[in-house]
Amino acid sequence: MLTRQELGQLGEKLAVKYLQQQGYKIVEQNYYCRLGEIDIIAFKDDYLVFIEVKTKRNQNFGSPWVEVNCHKQQKIHQVARHYISRQGYLETNFRFDVIGVFYSCSQDYQLSHLENAFSV
């Protein structure tokens, strides 16, 4: 049985593989600063995309998107602004995506990608 942390890491790994197959260029994984963390940062179609990945074993407590509540969105936005400022992407378009993964085993998982999931 996977720990919660291992499940999260596995979901992020599956998300990266999916994003690369969709033509995203991954520039950062698990970007940390004093304000918080963003799971994946990538470029696609002239957009800098900040991606939150939520991985669950089942739907007992709702979809993964429920966990990306208003507070979490604001936190991600703060970290994204920090990253944009630090990296000099001030003139770059950006958006926030959420990837939800329902994982049973390596041959049984579902991944859903919600582009432009929120704005702040």
N, C-alpha and C. Protein backbone atom coordinates (compact mmCIF):
# COMPACT_ATOMS: atom_id res chain seq x y z
N MET A 1 0.84 -1.19 0.00
CA MET A 1 0.00 0.00 0.00
C MET A 1 0.88 1.25 0.00
N LEU A 2 0.61 2.15 -0.90
CA LEU A 2 1.38 3.37 -1.01
C LEU A 2 1.02 4.35 0.10
N THR A 3 2.04 5.06 0.61
CA THR A 3 1.75 6.14 1.54
C THR A 3 1.13 7.30 0.77
N ARG A 4 0.57 8.24 1.49
CA ARG A 4 -0.03 9.40 0.84
C ARG A 4 1.01 10.18 0.02
N GLN A 5 2.20 10.30 0.58
CA GLN A 5 3.28 11.01 -0.12
C GLN A 5 3.70 10.26 -1.39
N GLU A 6 3.83 8.95 -1.29
CA GLU A 6 4.19 8.14 -2.47
C GLU A 6 3.12 8.23 -3.54
N LEU A 7 1.85 8.21 -3.12
CA LEU A 7 0.74 8.33 -4.06
C LEU A 7 0.80 9.67 -4.78
N GLY A 8 1.08 10.74 -4.04
CA GLY A 8 1.20 12.07 -4.65
C GLY A 8 2.34 12.15 -5.65
N GLN A 9 3.49 11.57 -5.30
CA GLN A 9 4.64 11.56 -6.20
C GLN A 9 4.35 10.77 -7.46
N LEU A 10 3.66 9.67 -7.30
CA LEU A 10 3.30 8.85 -8.45
C LEU A 10 2.34 9.60 -9.38
N GLY A 11 1.37 10.28 -8.79
CA GLY A 11 0.44 11.08 -9.59
C GLY A 11 1.16 12.16 -10.37
N GLU A 12 2.12 12.83 -9.74
CA GLU A 12 2.90 13.86 -10.43
C GLU A 12 3.72 13.27 -11.57
N LYS A 13 4.26 12.10 -11.35
CA LYS A 13 5.04 11.43 -12.40
C LYS A 13 4.15 11.10 -13.61
N LEU A 14 2.96 10.60 -13.34
CA LEU A 14 2.01 10.30 -14.42
C LEU A 14 1.58 11.58 -15.13
N ALA A 15 1.40 12.65 -14.37
CA ALA A 15 1.01 13.94 -14.95
C ALA A 15 2.10 14.47 -15.87
N VAL A 16 3.36 14.39 -15.44
CA VAL A 16 4.47 14.86 -16.27
C VAL A 16 4.53 14.08 -17.58
N LYS A 17 4.40 12.77 -17.49
CA LYS A 17 4.41 11.93 -18.70
C LYS A 17 3.29 12.34 -19.64
N TYR A 18 2.09 12.52 -19.11
CA TYR A 18 0.93 12.95 -19.90
C TYR A 18 1.20 14.31 -20.55
N LEU A 19 1.67 15.28 -19.77
CA LEU A 19 1.90 16.62 -20.28
C LEU A 19 2.93 16.62 -21.41
N GLN A 20 3.99 15.86 -21.24
CA GLN A 20 5.01 15.77 -22.29
C GLN A 20 4.42 15.18 -23.56
N GLN A 21 3.56 14.19 -23.43
CA GLN A 21 2.90 13.59 -24.60
C GLN A 21 1.98 14.60 -25.29
N GLN A 22 1.48 15.57 -24.53
CA GLN A 22 0.60 16.60 -25.08
C GLN A 22 1.37 17.82 -25.60
N GLY A 23 2.70 17.76 -25.58
CA GLY A 23 3.51 18.83 -26.12
C GLY A 23 3.93 19.92 -25.14
N TYR A 24 3.72 19.70 -23.87
CA TYR A 24 4.16 20.66 -22.86
C TYR A 24 5.66 20.51 -22.64
N LYS A 25 6.34 21.62 -22.42
CA LYS A 25 7.76 21.61 -22.08
C LYS A 25 7.86 21.87 -20.58
N ILE A 26 8.24 20.87 -19.83
CA ILE A 26 8.35 20.98 -18.37
C ILE A 26 9.59 21.80 -18.03
N VAL A 27 9.40 22.85 -17.23
CA VAL A 27 10.54 23.68 -16.84
C VAL A 27 10.87 23.54 -15.36
N GLU A 28 9.91 23.17 -14.54
CA GLU A 28 10.13 22.98 -13.11
C GLU A 28 9.19 21.90 -12.59
N GLN A 29 9.68 21.14 -11.61
CA GLN A 29 8.84 20.22 -10.87
C GLN A 29 9.07 20.50 -9.40
N ASN A 30 7.99 20.51 -8.64
CA ASN A 30 8.05 20.76 -7.20
C ASN A 30 8.82 22.03 -6.88
N TYR A 31 8.39 23.13 -7.48
CA TYR A 31 9.03 24.43 -7.24
C TYR A 31 8.62 24.93 -5.86
N TYR A 32 9.61 25.12 -4.99
CA TYR A 32 9.37 25.60 -3.64
C TYR A 32 9.96 26.99 -3.45
N CYS A 33 9.23 27.80 -2.70
CA CYS A 33 9.76 29.06 -2.20
C CYS A 33 9.15 29.25 -0.81
N ARG A 34 9.49 30.33 -0.16
CA ARG A 34 8.98 30.54 1.21
C ARG A 34 7.45 30.66 1.26
N LEU A 35 6.83 30.94 0.13
CA LEU A 35 5.37 31.12 0.08
C LEU A 35 4.61 29.81 -0.12
N GLY A 36 5.29 28.79 -0.61
CA GLY A 36 4.61 27.53 -0.87
C GLY A 36 5.25 26.76 -2.00
N GLU A 37 4.44 25.92 -2.66
CA GLU A 37 4.96 25.00 -3.68
C GLU A 37 3.99 24.89 -4.85
N ILE A 38 4.55 24.70 -6.02
CA ILE A 38 3.76 24.40 -7.23
C ILE A 38 4.30 23.09 -7.78
N ASP A 39 3.38 22.18 -8.11
CA ASP A 39 3.79 20.84 -8.53
C ASP A 39 4.57 20.83 -9.84
N ILE A 40 4.01 21.48 -10.87
CA ILE A 40 4.64 21.45 -12.19
C ILE A 40 4.49 22.83 -12.83
N ILE A 41 5.58 23.29 -13.46
CA ILE A 41 5.53 24.51 -14.25
C ILE A 41 6.00 24.14 -15.65
N ALA A 42 5.22 24.54 -16.65
CA ALA A 42 5.52 24.13 -18.02
C ALA A 42 5.15 25.24 -19.00
N PHE A 43 5.67 25.12 -20.22
CA PHE A 43 5.29 26.01 -21.31
C PHE A 43 4.46 25.23 -22.32
N LYS A 44 3.41 25.90 -22.83
CA LYS A 44 2.61 25.32 -23.92
C LYS A 44 1.93 26.48 -24.64
N ASP A 45 2.11 26.54 -25.95
CA ASP A 45 1.44 27.54 -26.79
C ASP A 45 1.60 28.97 -26.25
N ASP A 46 2.83 29.36 -25.98
CA ASP A 46 3.14 30.70 -25.49
C ASP A 46 2.55 31.02 -24.12
N TYR A 47 2.17 30.02 -23.37
CA TYR A 47 1.68 30.20 -22.01
C TYR A 47 2.62 29.52 -21.03
N LEU A 48 2.87 30.20 -19.93
CA LEU A 48 3.54 29.58 -18.80
C LEU A 48 2.42 29.00 -17.95
N VAL A 49 2.44 27.70 -17.75
CA VAL A 49 1.33 27.00 -17.11
C VAL A 49 1.76 26.48 -15.74
N PHE A 50 1.01 26.87 -14.71
CA PHE A 50 1.25 26.41 -13.35
C PHE A 50 0.23 25.31 -13.07
N ILE A 51 0.72 24.12 -12.75
CA ILE A 51 -0.15 22.94 -12.69
C ILE A 51 -0.14 22.33 -11.30
N GLU A 52 -1.32 22.20 -10.73
CA GLU A 52 -1.51 21.53 -9.46
C GLU A 52 -2.00 20.12 -9.76
N VAL A 53 -1.38 19.13 -9.14
CA VAL A 53 -1.75 17.73 -9.35
C VAL A 53 -2.35 17.19 -8.06
N LYS A 54 -3.52 16.61 -8.15
CA LYS A 54 -4.18 15.98 -7.01
C LYS A 54 -4.43 14.51 -7.35
N THR A 55 -3.92 13.63 -6.51
CA THR A 55 -4.04 12.20 -6.75
C THR A 55 -4.84 11.57 -5.62
N LYS A 56 -5.83 10.76 -5.99
CA LYS A 56 -6.68 10.10 -5.01
C LYS A 56 -6.82 8.63 -5.37
N ARG A 57 -7.15 7.84 -4.36
CA ARG A 57 -7.37 6.41 -4.58
C ARG A 57 -8.80 6.13 -5.07
N ASN A 58 -9.74 6.98 -4.65
CA ASN A 58 -11.14 6.78 -5.03
C ASN A 58 -11.89 8.10 -4.94
N GLN A 59 -13.18 8.05 -5.23
CA GLN A 59 -13.99 9.27 -5.24
C GLN A 59 -14.83 9.43 -3.98
N ASN A 60 -14.48 8.71 -2.91
CA ASN A 60 -15.28 8.75 -1.68
C ASN A 60 -15.50 10.15 -1.15
N PHE A 61 -14.50 11.00 -1.26
CA PHE A 61 -14.62 12.35 -0.72
C PHE A 61 -14.63 13.39 -1.82
N GLY A 62 -15.15 13.02 -2.97
CA GLY A 62 -15.29 13.96 -4.08
C GLY A 62 -14.12 13.93 -5.04
N SER A 63 -14.22 14.78 -6.03
CA SER A 63 -13.20 14.83 -7.08
C SER A 63 -11.95 15.55 -6.58
N PRO A 64 -10.84 15.35 -7.26
CA PRO A 64 -9.59 16.02 -6.86
C PRO A 64 -9.70 17.55 -6.92
N TRP A 65 -10.57 18.07 -7.80
CA TRP A 65 -10.69 19.52 -7.95
C TRP A 65 -11.25 20.18 -6.71
N VAL A 66 -12.04 19.44 -5.92
CA VAL A 66 -12.60 19.99 -4.69
C VAL A 66 -11.49 20.44 -3.74
N GLU A 67 -10.37 19.74 -3.79
CA GLU A 67 -9.25 20.06 -2.90
C GLU A 67 -8.51 21.33 -3.31
N VAL A 68 -8.72 21.79 -4.52
CA VAL A 68 -8.08 23.04 -4.96
C VAL A 68 -9.09 24.17 -4.70
N ASN A 69 -9.29 24.42 -3.41
CA ASN A 69 -10.27 25.42 -2.98
C ASN A 69 -9.71 26.84 -3.12
N CYS A 70 -10.48 27.81 -2.72
CA CYS A 70 -10.11 29.22 -2.87
C CYS A 70 -8.78 29.52 -2.17
N HIS A 71 -8.60 29.01 -0.97
CA HIS A 71 -7.36 29.23 -0.23
C HIS A 71 -6.15 28.66 -0.99
N LYS A 72 -6.30 27.44 -1.48
CA LYS A 72 -5.23 26.79 -2.24
C LYS A 72 -4.93 27.55 -3.53
N GLN A 73 -5.97 28.04 -4.20
CA GLN A 73 -5.79 28.82 -5.42
C GLN A 73 -4.99 30.10 -5.14
N GLN A 74 -5.33 30.78 -4.05
CA GLN A 74 -4.60 32.00 -3.70
C GLN A 74 -3.14 31.71 -3.39
N LYS A 75 -2.88 30.60 -2.72
CA LYS A 75 -1.51 30.19 -2.39
C LYS A 75 -0.72 29.91 -3.68
N ILE A 76 -1.33 29.17 -4.60
CA ILE A 76 -0.67 28.86 -5.87
C ILE A 76 -0.38 30.16 -6.64
N HIS A 77 -1.33 31.07 -6.62
CA HIS A 77 -1.17 32.35 -7.31
C HIS A 77 0.00 33.14 -6.72
N GLN A 78 0.14 33.16 -5.41
CA GLN A 78 1.26 33.86 -4.76
C GLN A 78 2.60 33.26 -5.18
N VAL A 79 2.68 31.94 -5.18
CA VAL A 79 3.92 31.27 -5.57
C VAL A 79 4.21 31.54 -7.05
N ALA A 80 3.18 31.52 -7.88
CA ALA A 80 3.34 31.79 -9.32
C ALA A 80 3.87 33.20 -9.54
N ARG A 81 3.33 34.17 -8.84
CA ARG A 81 3.81 35.56 -8.96
C ARG A 81 5.27 35.66 -8.55
N HIS A 82 5.63 34.97 -7.50
CA HIS A 82 7.03 34.93 -7.04
C HIS A 82 7.92 34.36 -8.15
N TYR A 83 7.50 33.24 -8.72
CA TYR A 83 8.26 32.58 -9.78
C TYR A 83 8.40 33.50 -11.00
N ILE A 84 7.30 34.09 -11.43
CA ILE A 84 7.30 34.99 -12.59
C ILE A 84 8.28 36.14 -12.37
N SER A 85 8.25 36.72 -11.21
CA SER A 85 9.13 37.84 -10.88
C SER A 85 10.59 37.40 -10.85
N ARG A 86 10.86 36.27 -10.20
CA ARG A 86 12.23 35.75 -10.07
C ARG A 86 12.84 35.37 -11.41
N GLN A 87 12.02 34.80 -12.28
CA GLN A 87 12.52 34.27 -13.55
C GLN A 87 12.43 35.27 -14.70
N GLY A 88 11.84 36.44 -14.45
CA GLY A 88 11.77 37.46 -15.48
C GLY A 88 10.72 37.22 -16.54
N TYR A 89 9.65 36.54 -16.18
CA TYR A 89 8.56 36.25 -17.13
C TYR A 89 7.43 37.27 -17.02
N LEU A 90 7.75 38.52 -16.70
CA LEU A 90 6.74 39.54 -16.43
C LEU A 90 5.82 39.80 -17.62
N GLU A 91 6.29 39.59 -18.83
CA GLU A 91 5.48 39.85 -20.04
C GLU A 91 4.89 38.57 -20.62
N THR A 92 4.98 37.47 -19.90
CA THR A 92 4.52 36.17 -20.40
C THR A 92 3.09 35.89 -19.96
N ASN A 93 2.28 35.39 -20.87
CA ASN A 93 0.93 34.95 -20.51
C ASN A 93 1.04 33.71 -19.62
N PHE A 94 0.15 33.60 -18.65
CA PHE A 94 0.18 32.42 -17.79
C PHE A 94 -1.24 31.99 -17.45
N ARG A 95 -1.34 30.73 -17.01
CA ARG A 95 -2.63 30.20 -16.59
C ARG A 95 -2.40 29.12 -15.53
N PHE A 96 -3.51 28.72 -14.91
CA PHE A 96 -3.46 27.71 -13.86
C PHE A 96 -4.29 26.50 -14.28
N ASP A 97 -3.66 25.34 -14.30
CA ASP A 97 -4.34 24.09 -14.65
C ASP A 97 -4.36 23.17 -13.43
N VAL A 98 -5.29 22.24 -13.43
CA VAL A 98 -5.34 21.21 -12.41
C VAL A 98 -5.43 19.86 -13.10
N ILE A 99 -4.62 18.93 -12.64
CA ILE A 99 -4.69 17.55 -13.13
C ILE A 99 -5.13 16.67 -11.97
N GLY A 100 -6.19 15.92 -12.20
CA GLY A 100 -6.68 14.97 -11.21
C GLY A 100 -6.35 13.56 -11.65
N VAL A 101 -5.85 12.77 -10.70
CA VAL A 101 -5.51 11.37 -10.99
C VAL A 101 -6.23 10.48 -9.98
N PHE A 102 -7.03 9.54 -10.49
CA PHE A 102 -7.57 8.47 -9.66
C PHE A 102 -6.71 7.25 -9.92
N TYR A 103 -6.05 6.76 -8.85
CA TYR A 103 -5.06 5.70 -9.03
C TYR A 103 -5.43 4.46 -8.22
N SER A 104 -5.56 3.33 -8.92
CA SER A 104 -5.76 2.05 -8.24
C SER A 104 -4.48 1.24 -8.28
N CYS A 105 -3.90 1.12 -9.50
CA CYS A 105 -2.62 0.44 -9.67
C CYS A 105 -2.01 0.94 -10.97
N SER A 106 -0.79 0.48 -11.28
CA SER A 106 -0.09 1.01 -12.45
C SER A 106 -0.83 0.77 -13.76
N GLN A 107 -1.69 -0.25 -13.81
CA GLN A 107 -2.47 -0.50 -15.02
C GLN A 107 -3.90 0.05 -14.91
N ASP A 108 -4.24 0.63 -13.78
CA ASP A 108 -5.60 1.10 -13.56
C ASP A 108 -5.60 2.47 -12.92
N TYR A 109 -5.59 3.49 -13.78
CA TYR A 109 -5.69 4.87 -13.28
C TYR A 109 -6.38 5.73 -14.34
N GLN A 110 -6.96 6.82 -13.88
CA GLN A 110 -7.61 7.78 -14.77
C GLN A 110 -7.02 9.14 -14.50
N LEU A 111 -6.69 9.85 -15.56
CA LEU A 111 -6.11 11.18 -15.45
C LEU A 111 -7.01 12.17 -16.19
N SER A 112 -7.35 13.26 -15.53
CA SER A 112 -8.16 14.31 -16.15
C SER A 112 -7.42 15.64 -16.02
N HIS A 113 -7.40 16.40 -17.12
CA HIS A 113 -6.68 17.66 -17.17
C HIS A 113 -7.68 18.79 -17.37
N LEU A 114 -7.74 19.69 -16.41
CA LEU A 114 -8.62 20.84 -16.50
C LEU A 114 -7.76 22.08 -16.78
N GLU A 115 -7.79 22.53 -18.03
CA GLU A 115 -7.01 23.71 -18.42
C GLU A 115 -7.69 24.97 -17.95
N ASN A 116 -6.88 25.96 -17.58
CA ASN A 116 -7.39 27.26 -17.13
C ASN A 116 -8.45 27.04 -16.03
N ALA A 117 -8.08 26.23 -15.05
CA ALA A 117 -9.01 25.78 -14.01
C ALA A 117 -9.51 26.91 -13.12
N PHE A 118 -8.69 27.94 -12.91
CA PHE A 118 -9.11 29.05 -12.07
C PHE A 118 -8.29 30.28 -12.41
N SER A 119 -8.81 31.42 -11.99
CA SER A 119 -8.06 32.67 -12.10
C SER A 119 -8.28 33.42 -10.79
N VAL A 120 -7.30 34.22 -10.46
CA VAL A 120 -7.38 34.94 -9.18
C VAL A 120 -7.23 36.42 -9.39
